[in-house]
C-alpha cells in the first residue's frame, strides 16, 4: 500500500515512524514549512521533517497543500491512501478524493466530542474521565467524517496535556496500522458520527491560562493540567505573571477572600478559591526555570496574606 503521510508536530512523529517500521511504502512525507524558533530565531525543521529525514524519506513542504503544484505532485505519486496527523492545513475536495482509499485522519479525541484544534487540552480542562484516538475518513467538514476505529484511555488525576499527548500519539500510531490493514483486507467498517453530540475544541491561546480564583478548586486544577506544558496557567504576584504548573486541592481551612495566600511553607503556597484551598506545588517566575515551591523558598521569600489576581 502506497501511503503519503502528512503531519507536522511531535504528536505526528510516532505514526510515521510506525508506518515505516511496519514496512509501508511511504514515497512522500508532507509537512509545514520550517519556521524561526528560539532566541536566535533560526529556521527550524518541523518534528515530522526531522524524523522523515532520519528515516530517509522524501519531504515536501508546500506553502499551500491545495495549490496546483501540490496537486500535481500528489497525482504523480498516485497514493493509495493519505494519512494525516495534525498537519495544519485544510485539504480541499480535489485532494480528499484523489487516493484510492481516501484520506484518513488520526484525531486525538473520541469523536464526535472535541472536534477541532485542541482536543487533548479541552478534554482535561473540562474534567473528562477518558479520551482517546479516532481514526476517521476525512471529508470537507471539520472532523466530521465516518469513523473507522476508536481506542480510549483513562484520564488519571495526575495526567496533564503532555502526558495524554504522548500516550495518544503512541495509541494513534498503532491504531492507524490496524486500520490500513483492515482496508487492504476489505474488512474495514465505517460508523457515521452523531452530529448532535458534537463538541468543538477551539485553539488554545495564552490568555486562556489566567486563573480565576473565584472558580472551584477542581476546575482550577483541571485548567492547570490542561494547559501544561503550554501555554501554562498563570496568576499575578506583585505585578509579575507567575506560571503555576502543579497543584493539589484540599478543603478550605481558613475563610477569607478568594485568591488570598493563606499559608506559605515548603509544602506549597496555599490559596483560597471558591470552595477549596489550592496548594501550589510548582511555580515559574518570568525568565526563570520552573521550581518546586520548596526549591523556590530556599533562595526567595513569598508573601502570605496577599491577594493573587
Protein backbone atom coordinates (compact mmCIF):
# COMPACT_ATOMS: atom_id res chain seq x y z
CA UNK A 1 0.00 0.00 0.00
CA UNK A 2 1.42 3.35 -1.10
CA UNK A 3 0.99 5.87 1.76
CA UNK A 4 1.58 9.63 1.59
CA UNK A 5 1.95 10.95 5.12
CA UNK A 6 1.02 14.49 6.22
CA UNK A 7 1.95 15.77 9.67
CA UNK A 8 3.86 18.49 11.44
CA UNK A 9 4.34 18.49 15.26
CA UNK A 10 5.73 15.97 17.77
CA UNK A 11 2.34 14.27 18.00
CA UNK A 12 2.64 13.24 14.35
CA UNK A 13 6.08 11.61 14.68
CA UNK A 14 5.24 8.16 16.14
CA UNK A 15 2.68 7.33 13.40
CA UNK A 16 5.08 7.97 10.52
CA UNK A 17 7.84 6.07 12.29
CA UNK A 18 5.49 3.13 12.93
CA UNK A 19 4.29 3.11 9.32
CA UNK A 20 7.92 2.97 8.20
CA UNK A 21 8.85 0.23 10.66
CA UNK A 22 5.82 -1.83 9.62
CA UNK A 23 7.02 -1.82 6.03
CA UNK A 24 4.52 0.51 4.37
CA UNK A 25 5.64 2.20 1.16
CA UNK A 26 5.94 5.92 2.01
CA UNK A 27 7.02 7.74 -1.17
CA UNK A 28 6.46 11.21 0.33
CA UNK A 29 6.09 12.97 3.67
CA UNK A 30 4.37 16.37 3.58
CA UNK A 31 4.86 18.82 6.43
CA UNK A 32 4.66 22.54 7.12
CA UNK A 33 7.41 24.99 6.25
CA UNK A 34 10.44 25.41 8.50
CA UNK A 35 9.80 28.23 10.98
CA UNK A 36 12.04 30.51 13.07
CA UNK A 37 12.25 29.36 16.68
CA UNK A 38 14.28 30.04 19.79
CA UNK A 39 16.18 33.13 20.85
CA UNK A 40 18.16 33.33 17.63
CA UNK A 41 15.01 32.91 15.54
CA UNK A 42 16.79 30.46 13.27
CA UNK A 43 14.73 28.39 10.86
CA UNK A 44 13.97 25.04 12.43
CA UNK A 45 12.51 21.98 10.70
CA UNK A 46 9.26 20.51 11.93
CA UNK A 47 9.37 17.45 14.15
CA UNK A 48 7.99 15.32 11.32
CA UNK A 49 10.59 16.61 8.87
CA UNK A 50 13.39 15.70 11.28
CA UNK A 51 12.05 12.16 11.63
CA UNK A 52 11.41 11.76 7.91
CA UNK A 53 14.99 12.78 7.07
CA UNK A 54 16.27 10.39 9.74
CA UNK A 55 14.28 7.59 8.08
CA UNK A 56 15.50 8.56 4.61
CA UNK A 57 12.07 9.61 3.36
CA UNK A 58 11.44 12.35 0.80
CA UNK A 59 9.96 15.55 2.27
CA UNK A 60 7.72 18.12 0.59
CA UNK A 61 6.85 21.45 2.27
CA UNK A 62 4.37 23.44 0.20
CA UNK A 63 3.06 26.85 1.21
CA UNK A 64 -0.38 25.68 0.16
CA UNK A 65 -1.25 21.98 0.05
CA UNK A 66 -4.17 22.73 -2.27
CA UNK A 67 -2.14 24.59 -4.90
CA UNK A 68 -1.94 23.27 -8.45
CA UNK A 69 1.72 22.39 -7.84
CA UNK A 70 0.86 20.31 -4.79
CA UNK A 71 -1.96 18.55 -6.60
CA UNK A 72 0.41 17.73 -9.46
CA UNK A 73 2.99 16.29 -7.05
CA UNK A 74 0.37 14.04 -5.49
CA UNK A 75 -1.09 12.98 -8.84
CA UNK A 76 2.34 11.79 -9.98
CA UNK A 77 2.68 9.66 -6.85
CA UNK A 78 -0.91 8.34 -7.09
CA UNK A 79 -1.11 7.30 -3.42
CA UNK A 80 -3.43 4.51 -2.33
CA UNK A 81 -4.13 6.48 0.85
CA UNK A 82 -3.12 9.74 2.51
CA UNK A 83 -2.68 9.59 6.28
CA UNK A 84 -3.00 12.94 8.07
CA UNK A 85 -1.95 13.69 11.65
CA UNK A 86 -2.03 17.31 12.86
CA UNK A 87 -0.79 18.59 9.52
CA UNK A 88 -2.06 22.15 9.95
CA UNK A 89 -3.78 22.87 6.63
CA UNK A 90 -7.29 22.02 5.45
CA UNK A 91 -7.44 19.66 2.48
CA UNK A 92 -9.88 20.51 -0.28
CA UNK A 93 -12.05 18.07 -2.21
CA UNK A 94 -9.58 17.59 -5.08
CA UNK A 95 -7.04 16.05 -2.71
CA UNK A 96 -9.55 14.33 -0.43
CA UNK A 97 -10.95 12.39 -3.39
CA UNK A 98 -7.60 11.58 -5.01
CA UNK A 99 -6.36 8.43 -3.21
CA UNK A 100 -7.93 5.04 -3.89
CA UNK A 101 -8.81 4.64 -0.20
CA UNK A 102 -9.27 8.33 0.56
CA UNK A 103 -7.62 10.49 3.20
CA UNK A 104 -7.54 9.17 6.75
CA UNK A 105 -7.03 11.29 9.86
CA UNK A 106 -5.65 10.39 13.28
CA UNK A 107 -7.64 12.60 15.66
CA UNK A 108 -6.90 12.90 19.39
CA UNK A 109 -10.41 12.58 20.81
CA UNK A 110 -13.35 10.24 20.95
CA UNK A 111 -15.35 11.83 18.17
CA UNK A 112 -17.83 13.42 17.79
CA UNK A 113 -16.67 15.09 21.02
CA UNK A 114 -13.86 17.62 20.72
CA UNK A 115 -13.66 18.25 17.01
CA UNK A 116 -11.11 20.93 16.22
CA UNK A 117 -7.63 22.11 17.07
CA UNK A 118 -7.05 21.28 20.75
CA UNK A 119 -8.95 18.14 21.78
CA UNK A 120 -6.42 16.95 24.36
CA UNK A 121 -6.35 20.25 26.25
CA UNK A 122 -10.10 20.70 26.36
CA UNK A 123 -10.82 17.13 27.45
CA UNK A 124 -8.66 17.73 30.54
CA UNK A 125 -9.88 21.29 31.17
CA UNK A 126 -13.46 20.07 31.06
CA UNK A 127 -12.77 17.29 33.54
CA UNK A 128 -13.35 14.32 31.24
CA UNK A 129 -12.54 10.94 32.74
CA UNK A 130 -11.49 9.39 29.45
CA UNK A 131 -10.35 10.36 25.99
CA UNK A 132 -8.81 8.53 23.07
CA UNK A 133 -8.00 8.28 19.40
CA UNK A 134 -10.39 8.24 16.47
CA UNK A 135 -9.23 7.13 13.04
CA UNK A 136 -11.64 8.67 10.58
CA UNK A 137 -12.20 9.11 6.89
CA UNK A 138 -11.74 12.76 6.02
CA UNK A 139 -14.37 14.89 4.32
CA UNK A 140 -14.77 18.62 3.81
CA UNK A 141 -16.43 19.16 7.22
CA UNK A 142 -14.38 19.73 10.37
CA UNK A 143 -13.50 16.29 11.81
CA UNK A 144 -16.96 15.09 10.80
CA UNK A 145 -16.17 12.11 8.58
CA UNK A 146 -17.07 8.45 9.14
CA UNK A 147 -15.17 6.74 11.96
CA UNK A 148 -13.05 3.70 11.19
CA UNK A 149 -11.71 2.87 14.65
CA UNK A 150 -11.74 4.27 18.17
CA UNK A 151 -9.48 3.45 21.09
CA UNK A 152 -9.85 5.02 24.54
CA UNK A 153 -7.67 5.67 27.59
CA UNK A 154 -8.45 6.83 31.12
CA UNK A 155 -7.51 10.37 32.14
CA UNK A 156 -5.93 9.96 35.56
CA UNK A 157 -5.92 12.64 38.24
CA UNK A 158 -2.21 13.35 37.80
CA UNK A 159 -2.34 13.41 33.98
CA UNK A 160 -1.64 16.66 32.17
CA UNK A 161 -1.83 17.59 28.49
CA UNK A 162 1.74 16.47 27.81
CA UNK A 163 1.25 13.03 29.33
CA UNK A 164 -2.00 12.46 27.45
CA UNK A 165 -0.40 13.82 24.25
CA UNK A 166 2.36 11.22 24.45
CA UNK A 167 0.03 8.31 25.24
CA UNK A 168 -2.41 9.21 22.46
CA UNK A 169 0.37 9.68 19.92
CA UNK A 170 1.54 6.13 20.56
CA UNK A 171 -2.05 4.85 20.58
CA UNK A 172 -2.70 6.53 17.23
CA UNK A 173 0.41 5.00 15.70
CA UNK A 174 -0.84 1.50 16.50
CA UNK A 175 -4.43 2.25 15.50
CA UNK A 176 -3.53 3.51 12.03
CA UNK A 177 -1.68 0.28 11.28
CA UNK A 178 -4.75 -1.75 12.22
CA UNK A 179 -7.00 0.44 10.05
CA UNK A 180 -4.74 0.28 6.98
CA UNK A 181 -4.51 -3.48 7.25
CA UNK A 182 -8.29 -3.80 7.51
CA UNK A 183 -8.66 -1.51 4.50
CA UNK A 184 -6.28 -3.63 2.43
CA UNK A 185 -8.13 -6.79 3.52
CA UNK A 186 -11.51 -5.26 2.69
CA UNK A 187 -12.77 -5.79 6.23
CA UNK A 188 -12.94 -2.16 7.40
CA UNK A 189 -16.25 -0.97 8.82
CA UNK A 190 -17.39 2.64 8.91
CA UNK A 191 -19.55 4.31 11.54
CA UNK A 192 -21.18 7.66 10.93
CA UNK A 193 -20.78 10.31 13.62
CA UNK A 194 -23.78 11.61 15.54
CA UNK A 195 -23.53 15.31 14.77
CA UNK A 196 -25.99 16.15 17.55
CA UNK A 197 -23.35 15.06 20.09
CA UNK A 198 -20.51 17.03 18.54
CA UNK A 199 -18.48 19.49 20.60
CA UNK A 200 -15.74 21.86 19.48
CA UNK A 201 -12.19 22.11 20.85
CA UNK A 202 -11.07 25.63 19.94
CA UNK A 203 -7.45 26.66 19.55
CA UNK A 204 -5.56 27.26 22.79
CA UNK A 205 -4.31 30.82 23.42
CA UNK A 206 -2.10 32.31 26.12
CA UNK A 207 -4.96 34.40 27.54
CA UNK A 208 -6.83 31.23 28.40
CA UNK A 209 -4.36 30.47 31.21
CA UNK A 210 -5.34 33.36 33.50
CA UNK A 211 -6.54 31.77 36.76
CA UNK A 212 -9.82 32.99 38.20
CA UNK A 213 -9.65 32.33 41.94
CA UNK A 214 -13.44 32.62 42.10
CA UNK A 215 -13.62 29.25 40.33
CA UNK A 216 -13.92 25.91 42.06
CA UNK A 217 -10.74 24.13 43.08
CA UNK A 218 -11.41 21.18 40.78
CA UNK A 219 -11.87 23.47 37.78
CA UNK A 220 -8.68 25.41 38.54
CA UNK A 221 -6.67 22.20 38.81
CA UNK A 222 -8.13 20.86 35.56
CA UNK A 223 -7.21 24.07 33.75
CA UNK A 224 -3.64 23.93 35.07
CA UNK A 225 -3.34 20.30 33.94
CA UNK A 226 -4.92 21.01 30.58
CA UNK A 227 -2.56 23.88 29.77
CA UNK A 228 0.65 22.11 30.77
CA UNK A 229 3.25 22.46 29.32
CA UNK A 230 1.92 25.26 27.04
CA UNK A 231 0.80 27.96 27.43
CA UNK A 232 0.60 27.26 31.19
CA UNK A 233 -1.81 28.66 33.74
CA UNK A 234 -0.73 31.86 35.48
CA UNK A 235 -1.65 34.40 38.11
CA UNK A 236 -0.39 37.86 39.08
CA UNK A 237 2.02 38.03 42.03
CA UNK A 238 3.27 41.53 42.88
CA UNK A 239 2.88 42.70 39.30
CA UNK A 240 4.61 39.64 37.83
CA UNK A 241 2.99 36.89 35.82
CA UNK A 242 3.72 33.73 37.78
CA UNK A 243 3.12 30.44 35.98
CA UNK A 244 1.66 27.60 38.02
CA UNK A 245 2.48 24.08 36.85
CA UNK A 246 1.25 21.77 39.58
CA UNK A 247 -1.30 21.99 42.39
CA UNK A 248 -3.25 19.95 44.91
CA UNK A 249 -6.78 20.69 46.07
CA UNK A 250 -7.67 20.45 49.77
CA UNK A 251 -10.54 21.57 51.97
CA UNK A 252 -10.57 25.27 52.80
CA UNK A 253 -9.15 25.66 56.30
CA UNK A 254 -9.14 29.46 56.61
CA UNK A 255 -12.03 31.63 55.49
CA UNK A 256 -11.21 34.74 53.54
CA UNK A 257 -11.17 36.33 50.15
CA UNK A 258 -10.73 34.11 47.13
CA UNK A 259 -7.20 34.42 45.75
CA UNK A 260 -5.76 35.13 49.20
CA UNK A 261 -2.48 33.42 50.10
CA UNK A 262 -3.35 31.94 53.49
CA UNK A 263 -0.16 29.96 54.12
CA UNK A 264 3.33 29.56 52.68
CA UNK A 265 5.54 26.59 53.51
CA UNK A 266 7.90 24.17 51.80
CA UNK A 267 4.82 22.02 51.14
CA UNK A 268 3.30 24.71 48.94
CA UNK A 269 1.60 28.07 48.60
CA UNK A 270 -1.97 27.81 49.94
CA UNK A 271 -4.52 29.95 48.08
CA UNK A 272 -8.25 30.20 48.73
CA UNK A 273 -10.67 29.63 45.88
CA UNK A 274 -14.47 29.45 45.86
CA UNK A 275 -14.94 26.09 47.54
CA UNK A 276 -11.47 24.77 48.38
CA UNK A 277 -7.89 25.69 49.04
CA UNK A 278 -5.38 25.32 46.22
CA UNK A 279 -1.91 24.14 47.27
CA UNK A 280 0.53 25.41 44.63
CA UNK A 281 3.40 22.94 44.34
CA UNK A 282 5.39 24.17 41.34
CA UNK A 283 5.86 27.71 40.01
CA UNK A 284 7.82 29.61 37.40
CA UNK A 285 8.70 33.30 37.61
CA UNK A 286 9.24 35.35 34.41
CA UNK A 287 12.54 34.46 32.73
CA UNK A 288 13.27 31.71 35.24
CA UNK A 289 13.03 27.94 35.18
CA UNK A 290 10.19 26.17 36.92
CA UNK A 291 10.83 25.20 40.55
CA UNK A 292 9.05 23.35 43.28
CA UNK A 293 7.87 25.74 45.98
CA UNK A 294 10.35 24.08 48.32
CA UNK A 295 13.22 24.89 45.92
CA UNK A 296 11.98 28.44 45.39
CA UNK A 297 11.76 29.22 49.11
CA UNK A 298 15.38 28.20 49.70
CA UNK A 299 16.53 31.39 47.99
CA UNK A 300 13.43 33.57 47.87
CA UNK A 301 10.58 34.78 50.02
CA UNK A 302 6.92 34.54 49.11
CA UNK A 303 4.42 36.84 50.83
CA UNK A 304 1.38 35.49 52.60
CA UNK A 305 -1.85 37.40 53.33
CA UNK A 306 -1.80 38.95 49.87
CA UNK A 307 -4.32 38.55 47.07
CA UNK A 308 -3.31 36.86 43.82
CA UNK A 309 -5.18 38.15 40.81
